[in-house]
Each structure stands twice: as structure tokens, then as C-alpha cells.
PDB file of N, CA and C in Angstrom:
ATOM      1  N   UNK A   1       8.577 -27.684 -13.897  1.00  0.00           N
ATOM      2  CA  UNK A   1       8.221 -26.212 -13.697  1.00  0.00           C
ATOM      3  C   UNK A   1      10.040 -25.478 -13.495  1.00  0.00           C
ATOM      4  N   UNK A   2      10.433 -24.548 -14.035  1.00  0.00           N
ATOM      5  CA  UNK A   2      11.760 -23.911 -14.183  1.00  0.00           C
ATOM      6  C   UNK A   2      12.003 -23.117 -13.149  1.00  0.00           C
ATOM      7  N   UNK A   3      10.839 -22.801 -12.110  1.00  0.00           N
ATOM      8  CA  UNK A   3      11.241 -21.854 -11.212  1.00  0.00           C
ATOM      9  C   UNK A   3      11.788 -23.123  -9.821  1.00  0.00           C
ATOM     10  N   UNK A   4      13.023 -21.973  -9.078  1.00  0.00           N
ATOM     11  CA  UNK A   4      13.561 -22.476  -7.909  1.00  0.00           C
ATOM     12  C   UNK A   4      13.035 -21.530  -6.679  1.00  0.00           C
ATOM     13  N   UNK A   5      12.761 -22.136  -5.940  1.00  0.00           N
ATOM     14  CA  UNK A   5      12.053 -21.054  -4.887  1.00  0.00           C
ATOM     15  C   UNK A   5      13.633 -21.449  -3.449  1.00  0.00           C
ATOM     16  N   UNK A   6      13.805 -20.116  -3.355  1.00  0.00           N
ATOM     17  CA  UNK A   6      14.932 -20.180  -2.097  1.00  0.00           C
ATOM     18  C   UNK A   6      14.458 -20.226  -0.778  1.00  0.00           C
ATOM     19  N   UNK A   7      14.289 -21.129  -0.058  1.00  0.00           N
ATOM     20  CA  UNK A   7      13.580 -21.235   1.382  1.00  0.00           C
ATOM     21  C   UNK A   7      14.415 -21.105   2.315  1.00  0.00           C
ATOM     22  N   UNK A   8      13.925 -20.396   3.394  1.00  0.00           N
ATOM     23  CA  UNK A   8      14.956 -19.915   4.414  1.00  0.00           C
ATOM     24  C   UNK A   8      14.918 -21.198   5.600  1.00  0.00           C
ATOM     25  N   UNK A   9      15.982 -22.151   5.997  1.00  0.00           N
ATOM     26  CA  UNK A   9      15.835 -23.325   6.804  1.00  0.00           C
ATOM     27  C   UNK A   9      16.768 -22.971   8.411  1.00  0.00           C
ATOM     28  N   UNK A  10      16.247 -23.499   9.361  1.00  0.00           N
ATOM     29  CA  UNK A  10      17.141 -23.195  10.552  1.00  0.00           C
ATOM     30  C   UNK A  10      18.245 -24.108  10.801  1.00  0.00           C
ATOM     31  N   UNK A  11      18.649 -24.764   9.715  1.00  0.00           N
ATOM     32  CA  UNK A  11      19.544 -26.114   9.628  1.00  0.00           C
ATOM     33  C   UNK A  11      20.801 -25.616   8.874  1.00  0.00           C
ATOM     34  N   UNK A  12      21.759 -25.860   9.134  1.00  0.00           N
ATOM     35  CA  UNK A  12      23.636 -25.616   8.407  1.00  0.00           C
ATOM     36  C   UNK A  12      23.030 -26.130   6.865  1.00  0.00           C
ATOM     37  N   UNK A  13      23.334 -25.292   5.986  1.00  0.00           N
ATOM     38  CA  UNK A  13      23.173 -26.186   4.655  1.00  0.00           C
ATOM     39  C   UNK A  13      24.609 -25.469   4.090  1.00  0.00           C
ATOM     40  N   UNK A  14      25.029 -26.029   2.316  1.00  0.00           N
ATOM     41  CA  UNK A  14      26.147 -25.707   1.823  1.00  0.00           C
ATOM     42  C   UNK A  14      25.761 -24.442   0.831  1.00  0.00           C
ATOM     43  N   UNK A  15      24.635 -24.168   1.122  1.00  0.00           N
ATOM     44  CA  UNK A  15      24.264 -22.241   0.098  1.00  0.00           C
ATOM     45  C   UNK A  15      23.826 -21.613   1.387  1.00  0.00           C
ATOM     46  N   UNK A  16      24.442 -20.414   1.414  1.00  0.00           N
ATOM     47  CA  UNK A  16      24.262 -19.048   2.390  1.00  0.00           C
ATOM     48  C   UNK A  16      23.446 -17.836   1.316  1.00  0.00           C
ATOM     49  N   UNK A  17      22.868 -17.338   1.900  1.00  0.00           N
ATOM     50  CA  UNK A  17      22.398 -16.096   1.358  1.00  0.00           C
ATOM     51  C   UNK A  17      22.713 -15.074   2.103  1.00  0.00           C
ATOM     52  N   UNK A  18      23.270 -14.227   1.775  1.00  0.00           N
ATOM     53  CA  UNK A  18      23.666 -12.815   2.465  1.00  0.00           C
ATOM     54  C   UNK A  18      22.757 -11.709   1.723  1.00  0.00           C
ATOM     55  N   UNK A  19      22.386 -11.087   2.826  1.00  0.00           N
ATOM     56  CA  UNK A  19      21.633  -9.708   2.189  1.00  0.00           C
ATOM     57  C   UNK A  19      21.419  -8.637   3.167  1.00  0.00           C
ATOM     58  N   UNK A  20      21.311  -7.386   2.662  1.00  0.00           N
ATOM     59  CA  UNK A  20      21.558  -5.981   3.368  1.00  0.00           C
ATOM     60  C   UNK A  20      20.307  -5.223   3.172  1.00  0.00           C
ATOM     61  N   UNK A  21      19.836  -4.871   4.609  1.00  0.00           N
ATOM     62  CA  UNK A  21      18.538  -4.683   4.328  1.00  0.00           C
ATOM     63  C   UNK A  21      18.430  -3.009   4.048  1.00  0.00           C
ATOM     64  N   UNK A  22      17.468  -1.913   3.829  1.00  0.00           N
ATOM     65  CA  UNK A  22      17.285  -0.741   4.019  1.00  0.00           C
ATOM     66  C   UNK A  22      18.241   0.157   5.251  1.00  0.00           C
ATOM     67  N   UNK A  23      18.146  -0.497   6.445  1.00  0.00           N
ATOM     68  CA  UNK A  23      19.327   0.055   7.667  1.00  0.00           C
ATOM     69  C   UNK A  23      20.341   0.327   7.286  1.00  0.00           C
ATOM     70  N   UNK A  24      21.049  -1.014   6.645  1.00  0.00           N
ATOM     71  CA  UNK A  24      22.414  -1.699   6.347  1.00  0.00           C
ATOM     72  C   UNK A  24      22.664  -2.666   7.212  1.00  0.00           C
ATOM     73  N   UNK A  25      21.555  -3.418   8.064  1.00  0.00           N
ATOM     74  CA  UNK A  25      21.892  -4.601   8.706  1.00  0.00           C
ATOM     75  C   UNK A  25      22.068  -5.831   7.644  1.00  0.00           C
ATOM     76  N   UNK A  26      22.506  -6.773   7.720  1.00  0.00           N
ATOM     77  CA  UNK A  26      23.536  -7.874   6.927  1.00  0.00           C
ATOM     78  C   UNK A  26      23.068  -9.076   8.106  1.00  0.00           C
ATOM     79  N   UNK A  27      22.253 -10.105   6.981  1.00  0.00           N
ATOM     80  CA  UNK A  27      21.571 -11.031   7.337  1.00  0.00           C
ATOM     81  C   UNK A  27      22.327 -12.545   6.656  1.00  0.00           C
ATOM     82  N   UNK A  28      22.586 -13.273   7.489  1.00  0.00           N
ATOM     83  CA  UNK A  28      23.193 -14.141   6.928  1.00  0.00           C
ATOM     84  C   UNK A  28      22.191 -15.441   7.130  1.00  0.00           C
ATOM     85  N   UNK A  29      21.658 -15.975   5.799  1.00  0.00           N
ATOM     86  CA  UNK A  29      20.666 -17.410   6.083  1.00  0.00           C
ATOM     87  C   UNK A  29      20.955 -18.496   5.437  1.00  0.00           C
ATOM     88  N   UNK A  30      20.877 -19.745   5.928  1.00  0.00           N
ATOM     89  CA  UNK A  30      20.702 -20.676   5.416  1.00  0.00           C
ATOM     90  C   UNK A  30      19.929 -21.090   4.509  1.00  0.00           C
ATOM     91  N   UNK A  31      20.144 -21.247   3.298  1.00  0.00           N
ATOM     92  CA  UNK A  31      19.416 -21.935   1.948  1.00  0.00           C
ATOM     93  C   UNK A  31      19.094 -23.419   1.930  1.00  0.00           C
ATOM     94  N   UNK A  32      17.705 -23.558   1.497  1.00  0.00           N
ATOM     95  CA  UNK A  32      17.460 -24.828   0.415  1.00  0.00           C
ATOM     96  C   UNK A  32      16.902 -24.748  -0.650  1.00  0.00           C
ATOM     97  N   UNK A  33      17.306 -25.156  -1.742  1.00  0.00           N
ATOM     98  CA  UNK A  33      16.397 -24.796  -2.603  1.00  0.00           C
ATOM     99  C   UNK A  33      15.385 -25.697  -3.063  1.00  0.00           C
ATOM    100  N   UNK A  34      13.627 -25.185  -3.545  1.00  0.00           N
ATOM    101  CA  UNK A  34      12.793 -25.954  -3.446  1.00  0.00           C
ATOM    102  C   UNK A  34      12.380 -25.860  -5.156  1.00  0.00           C
ATOM    103  N   UNK A  35      12.222 -26.979  -5.686  1.00  0.00           N
ATOM    104  CA  UNK A  35      11.918 -26.900  -6.936  1.00  0.00           C
ATOM    105  C   UNK A  35      10.548 -27.756  -7.377  1.00  0.00           C
ATOM    106  N   UNK A  36       9.502 -26.641  -7.240  1.00  0.00           N
ATOM    107  CA  UNK A  36       8.235 -27.310  -7.519  1.00  0.00           C
ATOM    108  C   UNK A  36       7.758 -27.726  -8.866  1.00  0.00           C
ATOM    109  N   UNK A  37       7.002 -28.927  -8.925  1.00  0.00           N
ATOM    110  CA  UNK A  37       6.855 -29.869 -10.112  1.00  0.00           C
ATOM    111  C   UNK A  37       5.718 -29.351 -10.733  1.00  0.00           C
ATOM    112  N   UNK A  38       4.877 -28.316 -10.206  1.00  0.00           N
ATOM    113  CA  UNK A  38       3.512 -28.010 -10.815  1.00  0.00           C
ATOM    114  C   UNK A  38       3.149 -26.778 -10.323  1.00  0.00           C
ATOM    115  N   UNK A  39       2.581 -25.507 -11.249  1.00  0.00           N
ATOM    116  CA  UNK A  39       2.148 -24.572 -10.935  1.00  0.00           C
ATOM    117  C   UNK A  39       1.168 -24.335  -9.261  1.00  0.00           C
ATOM    118  N   UNK A  40       0.655 -25.704  -8.907  1.00  0.00           N
ATOM    119  CA  UNK A  40      -0.201 -25.715  -7.731  1.00  0.00           C
ATOM    120  C   UNK A  40       1.068 -25.968  -6.630  1.00  0.00           C
ATOM    121  N   UNK A  41       1.691 -26.532  -6.487  1.00  0.00           N
ATOM    122  CA  UNK A  41       3.158 -26.716  -5.631  1.00  0.00           C
ATOM    123  C   UNK A  41       3.839 -25.660  -5.398  1.00  0.00           C
ATOM    124  N   UNK A  42       3.963 -24.598  -6.833  1.00  0.00           N
ATOM    125  CA  UNK A  42       4.977 -23.391  -6.473  1.00  0.00           C
ATOM    126  C   UNK A  42       3.738 -22.500  -5.418  1.00  0.00           C
ATOM    127  N   UNK A  43       2.659 -22.453  -6.057  1.00  0.00           N
ATOM    128  CA  UNK A  43       2.295 -21.292  -5.187  1.00  0.00           C
ATOM    129  C   UNK A  43       1.683 -21.436  -3.615  1.00  0.00           C
ATOM    130  N   UNK A  44       1.689 -23.109  -3.528  1.00  0.00           N
ATOM    131  CA  UNK A  44       1.256 -23.696  -2.202  1.00  0.00           C
ATOM    132  C   UNK A  44       2.447 -23.485  -1.584  1.00  0.00           C
ATOM    133  N   UNK A  45       3.488 -23.510  -2.087  1.00  0.00           N
ATOM    134  CA  UNK A  45       4.889 -23.119  -1.308  1.00  0.00           C
ATOM    135  C   UNK A  45       5.125 -21.627  -0.560  1.00  0.00           C
ATOM    136  N   UNK A  46       4.900 -20.702  -2.025  1.00  0.00           N
ATOM    137  CA  UNK A  46       4.574 -19.140  -1.659  1.00  0.00           C
ATOM    138  C   UNK A  46       3.795 -19.015  -0.436  1.00  0.00           C
ATOM    139  N   UNK A  47       2.649 -19.307  -0.931  1.00  0.00           N
ATOM    140  CA  UNK A  47       1.496 -18.761   0.132  1.00  0.00           C
ATOM    141  C   UNK A  47       2.116 -19.481   1.876  1.00  0.00           C
ATOM    142  N   UNK A  48       2.768 -20.766   1.994  1.00  0.00           N
ATOM    143  CA  UNK A  48       3.129 -21.333   3.018  1.00  0.00           C
ATOM    144  C   UNK A  48       4.259 -20.010   3.495  1.00  0.00           C
ATOM    145  N   UNK A  49       4.909 -20.111   2.735  1.00  0.00           N
ATOM    146  CA  UNK A  49       6.265 -19.106   3.608  1.00  0.00           C
ATOM    147  C   UNK A  49       5.361 -17.841   4.330  1.00  0.00           C
ATOM    148  N   UNK A  50       5.111 -17.164   3.164  1.00  0.00           N
ATOM    149  CA  UNK A  50       4.258 -15.987   3.576  1.00  0.00           C
ATOM    150  C   UNK A  50       3.390 -16.130   4.921  1.00  0.00           C
ATOM    151  N   UNK A  51       2.477 -16.988   4.985  1.00  0.00           N
ATOM    152  CA  UNK A  51       2.065 -17.258   6.365  1.00  0.00           C
ATOM    153  C   UNK A  51       2.684 -17.497   7.594  1.00  0.00           C
ATOM    154  N   UNK A  52       3.751 -18.236   7.323  1.00  0.00           N
ATOM    155  CA  UNK A  52       4.868 -18.683   8.391  1.00  0.00           C
ATOM    156  C   UNK A  52       5.487 -16.903   8.994  1.00  0.00           C
ATOM    157  N   UNK A  53       5.453 -15.691   8.051  1.00  0.00           N
ATOM    158  CA  UNK A  53       6.009 -14.828   8.429  1.00  0.00           C
ATOM    159  C   UNK A  53       6.702 -14.354   7.301  1.00  0.00           C
ATOM    160  N   UNK A  54       7.192 -15.028   6.596  1.00  0.00           N
ATOM    161  CA  UNK A  54       8.498 -14.336   5.573  1.00  0.00           C
ATOM    162  C   UNK A  54       7.853 -12.929   4.803  1.00  0.00           C
ATOM    163  N   UNK A  55       8.629 -12.105   4.471  1.00  0.00           N
ATOM    164  CA  UNK A  55       8.137 -10.825   4.089  1.00  0.00           C
ATOM    165  C   UNK A  55       8.761 -10.936   2.576  1.00  0.00           C
ATOM    166  N   UNK A  56       9.009 -11.647   2.539  1.00  0.00           N
ATOM    167  CA  UNK A  56      10.017 -11.921   0.878  1.00  0.00           C
ATOM    168  C   UNK A  56      10.722 -13.144   0.806  1.00  0.00           C
ATOM    169  N   UNK A  57      10.266 -13.346  -0.741  1.00  0.00           N
ATOM    170  CA  UNK A  57      11.011 -14.878  -1.151  1.00  0.00           C
ATOM    171  C   UNK A  57      11.769 -14.804  -2.130  1.00  0.00           C
ATOM    172  N   UNK A  58      12.706 -15.077  -2.369  1.00  0.00           N
ATOM    173  CA  UNK A  58      13.589 -15.017  -3.380  1.00  0.00           C
ATOM    174  C   UNK A  58      13.025 -16.209  -4.733  1.00  0.00           C
ATOM    175  N   UNK A  59      13.040 -16.312  -5.795  1.00  0.00           N
ATOM    176  CA  UNK A  59      12.538 -16.989  -6.701  1.00  0.00           C
ATOM    177  C   UNK A  59      13.456 -17.154  -8.179  1.00  0.00           C
ATOM    178  N   UNK A  60      14.297 -18.208  -8.567  1.00  0.00           N
ATOM    179  CA  UNK A  60      14.829 -17.485  -9.844  1.00  0.00           C
ATOM    180  C   UNK A  60      13.823 -18.594 -10.949  1.00  0.00           C
ATOM    181  N   UNK A  61      13.640 -17.900 -11.938  1.00  0.00           N
ATOM    182  CA  UNK A  61      12.798 -18.477 -13.106  1.00  0.00           C
ATOM    183  C   UNK A  61      13.433 -18.806 -14.219  1.00  0.00           C
ATOM    184  N   UNK A  62      13.396 -19.019 -15.591  1.00  0.00           N
ATOM    185  CA  UNK A  62      14.158 -19.301 -16.542  1.00  0.00           C
ATOM    186  C   UNK A  62      15.118 -18.501 -17.103  1.00  0.00           C
ATOM    187  N   UNK A  63      14.606 -17.233 -16.886  1.00  0.00           N
ATOM    188  CA  UNK A  63      15.455 -16.238 -17.367  1.00  0.00           C
ATOM    189  C   UNK A  63      15.632 -15.000 -16.842  1.00  0.00           C
ATOM    190  N   UNK A  64      14.817 -15.017 -15.354  1.00  0.00           N
ATOM    191  CA  UNK A  64      15.231 -13.756 -14.690  1.00  0.00           C
ATOM    192  C   UNK A  64      14.644 -14.596 -13.179  1.00  0.00           C
ATOM    193  N   UNK A  65      14.972 -13.163 -11.880  1.00  0.00           N
ATOM    194  CA  UNK A  65      14.656 -13.617 -11.036  1.00  0.00           C
ATOM    195  C   UNK A  65      13.948 -12.847 -10.329  1.00  0.00           C
ATOM    196  N   UNK A  66      12.924 -13.117  -9.630  1.00  0.00           N
ATOM    197  CA  UNK A  66      12.149 -12.692  -8.422  1.00  0.00           C
ATOM    198  C   UNK A  66      12.095 -12.525  -7.269  1.00  0.00           C
ATOM    199  N   UNK A  67      12.045 -11.105  -7.060  1.00  0.00           N
ATOM    200  CA  UNK A  67      11.556 -11.071  -5.098  1.00  0.00           C
ATOM    201  C   UNK A  67       9.962 -10.537  -5.142  1.00  0.00           C
ATOM    202  N   UNK A  68       9.536 -11.768  -4.572  1.00  0.00           N
ATOM    203  CA  UNK A  68       7.687 -11.986  -4.249  1.00  0.00           C
ATOM    204  C   UNK A  68       7.736 -11.199  -3.005  1.00  0.00           C
ATOM    205  N   UNK A  69       7.411 -10.148  -2.752  1.00  0.00           N
ATOM    206  CA  UNK A  69       6.627  -9.316  -1.449  1.00  0.00           C
ATOM    207  C   UNK A  69       5.604  -9.988  -0.888  1.00  0.00           C
ATOM    208  N   UNK A  70       5.528  -9.937   0.385  1.00  0.00           N
ATOM    209  CA  UNK A  70       4.099 -10.247   0.837  1.00  0.00           C
ATOM    210  C   UNK A  70       3.208  -9.277   0.944  1.00  0.00           C
ATOM    211  N   UNK A  71       3.162  -7.964   0.175  1.00  0.00           N
ATOM    212  CA  UNK A  71       2.574  -7.102   0.092  1.00  0.00           C
ATOM    213  C   UNK A  71       1.822  -7.171  -1.017  1.00  0.00           C
ATOM    214  N   UNK A  72       2.298  -8.465  -2.012  1.00  0.00           N
ATOM    215  CA  UNK A  72       1.775  -8.624  -3.347  1.00  0.00           C
ATOM    216  C   UNK A  72       2.421  -7.775  -4.309  1.00  0.00           C
ATOM    217  N   UNK A  73       3.633  -6.881  -4.247  1.00  0.00           N
ATOM    218  CA  UNK A  73       4.579  -6.393  -4.899  1.00  0.00           C
ATOM    219  C   UNK A  73       5.331  -7.412  -5.443  1.00  0.00           C
ATOM    220  N   UNK A  74       5.970  -7.128  -6.595  1.00  0.00           N
ATOM    221  CA  UNK A  74       7.007  -8.203  -7.175  1.00  0.00           C
ATOM    222  C   UNK A  74       8.322  -7.322  -7.844  1.00  0.00           C
ATOM    223  N   UNK A  75       9.500  -7.562  -7.716  1.00  0.00           N
ATOM    224  CA  UNK A  75      10.581  -6.783  -7.985  1.00  0.00           C
ATOM    225  C   UNK A  75      11.048  -7.610  -9.129  1.00  0.00           C
ATOM    226  N   UNK A  76      11.603  -8.002 -10.228  1.00  0.00           N
ATOM    227  CA  UNK A  76      12.319  -8.620 -11.425  1.00  0.00           C
ATOM    228  C   UNK A  76      13.297  -8.325 -11.375  1.00  0.00           C
ATOM    229  N   UNK A  77      14.250  -9.429 -11.880  1.00  0.00           N
ATOM    230  CA  UNK A  77      15.963  -8.703 -11.827  1.00  0.00           C
ATOM    231  C   UNK A  77      16.221  -9.560 -13.083  1.00  0.00           C
ATOM    232  N   UNK A  78      16.854  -8.975 -13.809  1.00  0.00           N
ATOM    233  CA  UNK A  78      17.002  -9.830 -15.190  1.00  0.00           C
ATOM    234  C   UNK A  78      18.520  -9.790 -15.723  1.00  0.00           C
ATOM    235  N   UNK A  79      19.611  -9.190 -14.736  1.00  0.00           N
ATOM    236  CA  UNK A  79      20.989  -9.643 -15.112  1.00  0.00           C
ATOM    237  C   UNK A  79      21.248 -10.753 -14.108  1.00  0.00           C
ATOM    238  N   UNK A  80      21.943 -12.037 -14.381  1.00  0.00           N
ATOM    239  CA  UNK A  80      22.404 -13.052 -13.528  1.00  0.00           C
ATOM    240  C   UNK A  80      24.397 -12.448 -13.490  1.00  0.00           C
ATOM    241  N   UNK A  81      24.646 -12.392 -12.455  1.00  0.00           N
ATOM    242  CA  UNK A  81      26.146 -12.874 -12.253  1.00  0.00           C
ATOM    243  C   UNK A  81      26.741 -13.755 -11.715  1.00  0.00           C
ATOM    244  N   UNK A  82      27.882 -14.116 -11.757  1.00  0.00           N
ATOM    245  CA  UNK A  82      28.615 -15.088 -11.348  1.00  0.00           C
ATOM    246  C   UNK A  82      30.272 -15.002 -11.000  1.00  0.00           C
ATOM    247  N   UNK A  83      29.947 -15.594  -9.869  1.00  0.00           N
ATOM    248  CA  UNK A  83      31.793 -15.281  -9.553  1.00  0.00           C
ATOM    249  C   UNK A  83      31.846 -16.780  -9.026  1.00  0.00           C
ATOM    250  N   UNK A  84      33.318 -17.186  -9.917  1.00  0.00           N
ATOM    251  CA  UNK A  84      33.356 -18.644  -9.836  1.00  0.00           C
ATOM    252  C   UNK A  84      34.781 -19.140  -9.138  1.00  0.00           C
ATOM    253  N   UNK A  85      35.090 -20.038  -8.222  1.00  0.00           N
ATOM    254  CA  UNK A  85      36.502 -20.291  -7.941  1.00  0.00           C
ATOM    255  C   UNK A  85      36.752 -20.025  -6.462  1.00  0.00           C
ATOM    256  N   UNK A  86      35.230 -19.080  -5.877  1.00  0.00           N
ATOM    257  CA  UNK A  86      35.346 -18.910  -4.590  1.00  0.00           C
ATOM    258  C   UNK A  86      35.107 -19.749  -3.429  1.00  0.00           C
ATOM    259  N   UNK A  87      36.422 -20.683  -2.725  1.00  0.00           N
ATOM    260  CA  UNK A  87      35.968 -21.493  -1.966  1.00  0.00           C
ATOM    261  C   UNK A  87      36.091 -21.097  -0.324  1.00  0.00           C
ATOM    262  N   UNK A  88      37.174 -19.974  -0.383  1.00  0.00           N
ATOM    263  CA  UNK A  88      36.922 -19.183   1.035  1.00  0.00           C
ATOM    264  C   UNK A  88      36.448 -17.291   0.656  1.00  0.00           C
ATOM    265  N   UNK A  89      35.260 -17.720   1.319  1.00  0.00           N
ATOM    266  CA  UNK A  89      34.124 -16.425   1.697  1.00  0.00           C
ATOM    267  C   UNK A  89      34.859 -15.770   2.655  1.00  0.00           C
ATOM    268  N   UNK A  90      35.622 -14.553   2.487  1.00  0.00           N
ATOM    269  CA  UNK A  90      36.187 -13.781   3.436  1.00  0.00           C
ATOM    270  C   UNK A  90      35.013 -13.098   4.142  1.00  0.00           C
ATOM    271  N   UNK A  91      35.253 -12.420   4.935  1.00  0.00           N
ATOM    272  CA  UNK A  91      34.333 -10.993   5.872  1.00  0.00           C
ATOM    273  C   UNK A  91      34.759  -9.766   4.730  1.00  0.00           C
ATOM    274  N   UNK A  92      35.786  -9.568   4.105  1.00  0.00           N
ATOM    275  CA  UNK A  92      36.278  -8.431   3.418  1.00  0.00           C
ATOM    276  C   UNK A  92      35.842  -8.556   2.121  1.00  0.00           C
ATOM    277  N   UNK A  93      35.735  -9.976   1.504  1.00  0.00           N
ATOM    278  CA  UNK A  93      35.203 -10.198  -0.133  1.00  0.00           C
ATOM    279  C   UNK A  93      33.906  -9.979   0.385  1.00  0.00           C
ATOM    280  N   UNK A  94      32.954 -10.636   1.504  1.00  0.00           N
ATOM    281  CA  UNK A  94      31.484 -10.102   2.157  1.00  0.00           C
ATOM    282  C   UNK A  94      30.815  -8.856   1.701  1.00  0.00           C
ATOM    283  N   UNK A  95      31.856  -8.163   2.867  1.00  0.00           N
ATOM    284  CA  UNK A  95      31.285  -6.529   2.915  1.00  0.00           C
ATOM    285  C   UNK A  95      31.814  -6.000   1.428  1.00  0.00           C
ATOM    286  N   UNK A  96      32.707  -6.220   0.711  1.00  0.00           N
ATOM    287  CA  UNK A  96      32.609  -5.820  -0.992  1.00  0.00           C
ATOM    288  C   UNK A  96      31.730  -5.852  -2.023  1.00  0.00           C
ATOM    289  N   UNK A  97      31.277  -6.998  -1.827  1.00  0.00           N
ATOM    290  CA  UNK A  97      29.934  -7.300  -2.438  1.00  0.00           C
ATOM    291  C   UNK A  97      28.809  -6.942  -2.231  1.00  0.00           C
ATOM    292  N   UNK A  98      28.526  -6.796  -0.775  1.00  0.00           N
ATOM    293  CA  UNK A  98      27.216  -6.356   0.000  1.00  0.00           C
ATOM    294  C   UNK A  98      27.473  -4.612  -0.565  1.00  0.00           C
ATOM    295  N   UNK A  99      28.365  -3.976  -0.619  1.00  0.00           N
ATOM    296  CA  UNK A  99      28.595  -2.690  -0.974  1.00  0.00           C
ATOM    297  C   UNK A  99      28.110  -2.149  -2.413  1.00  0.00           C
ATOM    298  N   UNK A 100      28.108  -3.167  -3.175  1.00  0.00           N
ATOM    299  CA  UNK A 100      27.935  -3.475  -4.668  1.00  0.00           C
ATOM    300  C   UNK A 100      26.421  -4.211  -4.956  1.00  0.00           C
ATOM    301  N   UNK A 101      26.410  -4.704  -4.344  1.00  0.00           N
ATOM    302  CA  UNK A 101      24.746  -5.492  -4.666  1.00  0.00           C
ATOM    303  C   UNK A 101      23.909  -5.860  -2.981  1.00  0.00           C
ATOM    304  N   UNK A 102      22.864  -5.547  -3.039  1.00  0.00           N
ATOM    305  CA  UNK A 102      21.874  -5.701  -1.557  1.00  0.00           C
ATOM    306  C   UNK A 102      22.048  -6.892  -1.112  1.00  0.00           C
ATOM    307  N   UNK A 103      22.301  -7.865  -2.170  1.00  0.00           N
ATOM    308  CA  UNK A 103      22.250  -9.165  -1.867  1.00  0.00           C
ATOM    309  C   UNK A 103      23.281 -10.188  -2.566  1.00  0.00           C
ATOM    310  N   UNK A 104      23.138 -11.970  -2.177  1.00  0.00           N
ATOM    311  CA  UNK A 104      23.964 -12.759  -2.984  1.00  0.00           C
ATOM    312  C   UNK A 104      23.504 -13.862  -2.530  1.00  0.00           C
ATOM    313  N   UNK A 105      24.112 -14.989  -3.255  1.00  0.00           N
ATOM    314  CA  UNK A 105      24.052 -16.605  -2.714  1.00  0.00           C
ATOM    315  C   UNK A 105      24.940 -16.947  -2.965  1.00  0.00           C
ATOM    316  N   UNK A 106      25.769 -17.969  -1.815  1.00  0.00           N
ATOM    317  CA  UNK A 106      27.001 -18.535  -1.684  1.00  0.00           C
ATOM    318  C   UNK A 106      26.887 -20.036  -2.209  1.00  0.00           C
ATOM    319  N   UNK A 107      27.563 -20.791  -2.976  1.00  0.00           N
ATOM    320  CA  UNK A 107      27.501 -22.055  -3.005  1.00  0.00           C
ATOM    321  C   UNK A 107      28.487 -22.625  -2.383  1.00  0.00           C
ATOM    322  N   UNK A 108      28.805 -22.753  -1.569  1.00  0.00           N
ATOM    323  CA  UNK A 108      29.977 -22.625  -0.924  1.00  0.00           C
ATOM    324  C   UNK A 108      30.933 -24.239  -1.236  1.00  0.00           C
ATOM    325  N   UNK A 109      29.894 -25.146  -1.524  1.00  0.00           N
ATOM    326  CA  UNK A 109      30.586 -26.754  -2.052  1.00  0.00           C
ATOM    327  C   UNK A 109      30.988 -26.567  -3.769  1.00  0.00           C
ATOM    328  N   UNK A 110      30.401 -25.789  -4.705  1.00  0.00           N
ATOM    329  CA  UNK A 110      30.621 -25.292  -5.768  1.00  0.00           C
ATOM    330  C   UNK A 110      31.494 -24.032  -6.116  1.00  0.00           C
ATOM    331  N   UNK A 111      31.554 -23.221  -4.793  1.00  0.00           N
ATOM    332  CA  UNK A 111      32.806 -22.206  -4.810  1.00  0.00           C
ATOM    333  C   UNK A 111      32.190 -20.909  -5.927  1.00  0.00           C
ATOM    334  N   UNK A 112      30.928 -21.227  -5.662  1.00  0.00           N
ATOM    335  CA  UNK A 112      29.736 -20.215  -6.557  1.00  0.00           C
ATOM    336  C   UNK A 112      29.700 -19.105  -5.570  1.00  0.00           C
ATOM    337  N   UNK A 113      29.672 -17.849  -6.167  1.00  0.00           N
ATOM    338  CA  UNK A 113      28.794 -16.668  -5.902  1.00  0.00           C
ATOM    339  C   UNK A 113      27.648 -16.354  -6.992  1.00  0.00           C
ATOM    340  N   UNK A 114      26.658 -15.807  -6.795  1.00  0.00           N
ATOM    341  CA  UNK A 114      25.800 -15.389  -7.697  1.00  0.00           C
ATOM    342  C   UNK A 114      24.749 -14.795  -7.283  1.00  0.00           C
ATOM    343  N   UNK A 115      24.306 -13.384  -8.218  1.00  0.00           N
ATOM    344  CA  UNK A 115      23.729 -12.249  -7.596  1.00  0.00           C
ATOM    345  C   UNK A 115      22.933 -12.119  -8.897  1.00  0.00           C
ATOM    346  N   UNK A 116      21.760 -11.288  -8.639  1.00  0.00           N
ATOM    347  CA  UNK A 116      21.250 -11.045  -9.456  1.00  0.00           C
ATOM    348  C   UNK A 116      21.017  -9.369  -9.483  1.00  0.00           C
ATOM    349  N   UNK A 117      20.863  -8.590 -10.902  1.00  0.00           N
ATOM    350  CA  UNK A 117      20.545  -7.139 -10.789  1.00  0.00           C
ATOM    351  C   UNK A 117      19.395  -7.018 -11.568  1.00  0.00           C
TER     352      UNK A 117
END
């Protein structure tokens, strides 16, 4: 399966998700990537996350990204934007990115910032 589910975890990881909600509140999450091997495993993981109280789940597919909402709606994001060589993510850079995009993922080890619009 080509899908990757972004799973928020309670321990420190090398992947961080930066998100800004409609009120302007900024959240920083530790992310663990989950790569399901089957459609059943994919649906089971999504269902489990929603049952645990997640309001939205971010998934990257083969050509698109999706935000699956707990209310059943799906937002499709079609364009991937990468910034490479970012090994020191400053507060100024975070603010600049969040003014332009509602969220992004930072892969610290690889020095990559990824966002989808």
C-alpha cells in the first residue's frame, strides 16, 4: 500500500508536525509514520485514531495528501512543496511558514520541511 499515516505520539521523535488552527493557535506534535500493508490495516488504524479522540488524521498517498476528518469529510491536497537543507528550524522560520501554510512537517534528521496545499 502506498499510504502513509501520520500518527501523533507522546514521545520525542525526529519528525515534528507544526499546525495552526482557525483561531491562530499553533500546535507542535511528535509524529511517527505508519505504513499500512493492507486496506484493512489502513482502515483499522484510522478508526482506532478517531476512537482515541483524534479530530483529523493526515495521510500521504501516492500522488496526493489527505486530511481525514472525524466527521467523515476529506480534504484533498494536491501539491507537495519541499524545502531542503533546513537543519536549524528557527522560531522566525516557523512563523514565516505558518503565515503562508496552515501546517508543515519537519524531518529534522534529513533537514526537510514538507507541506501540501
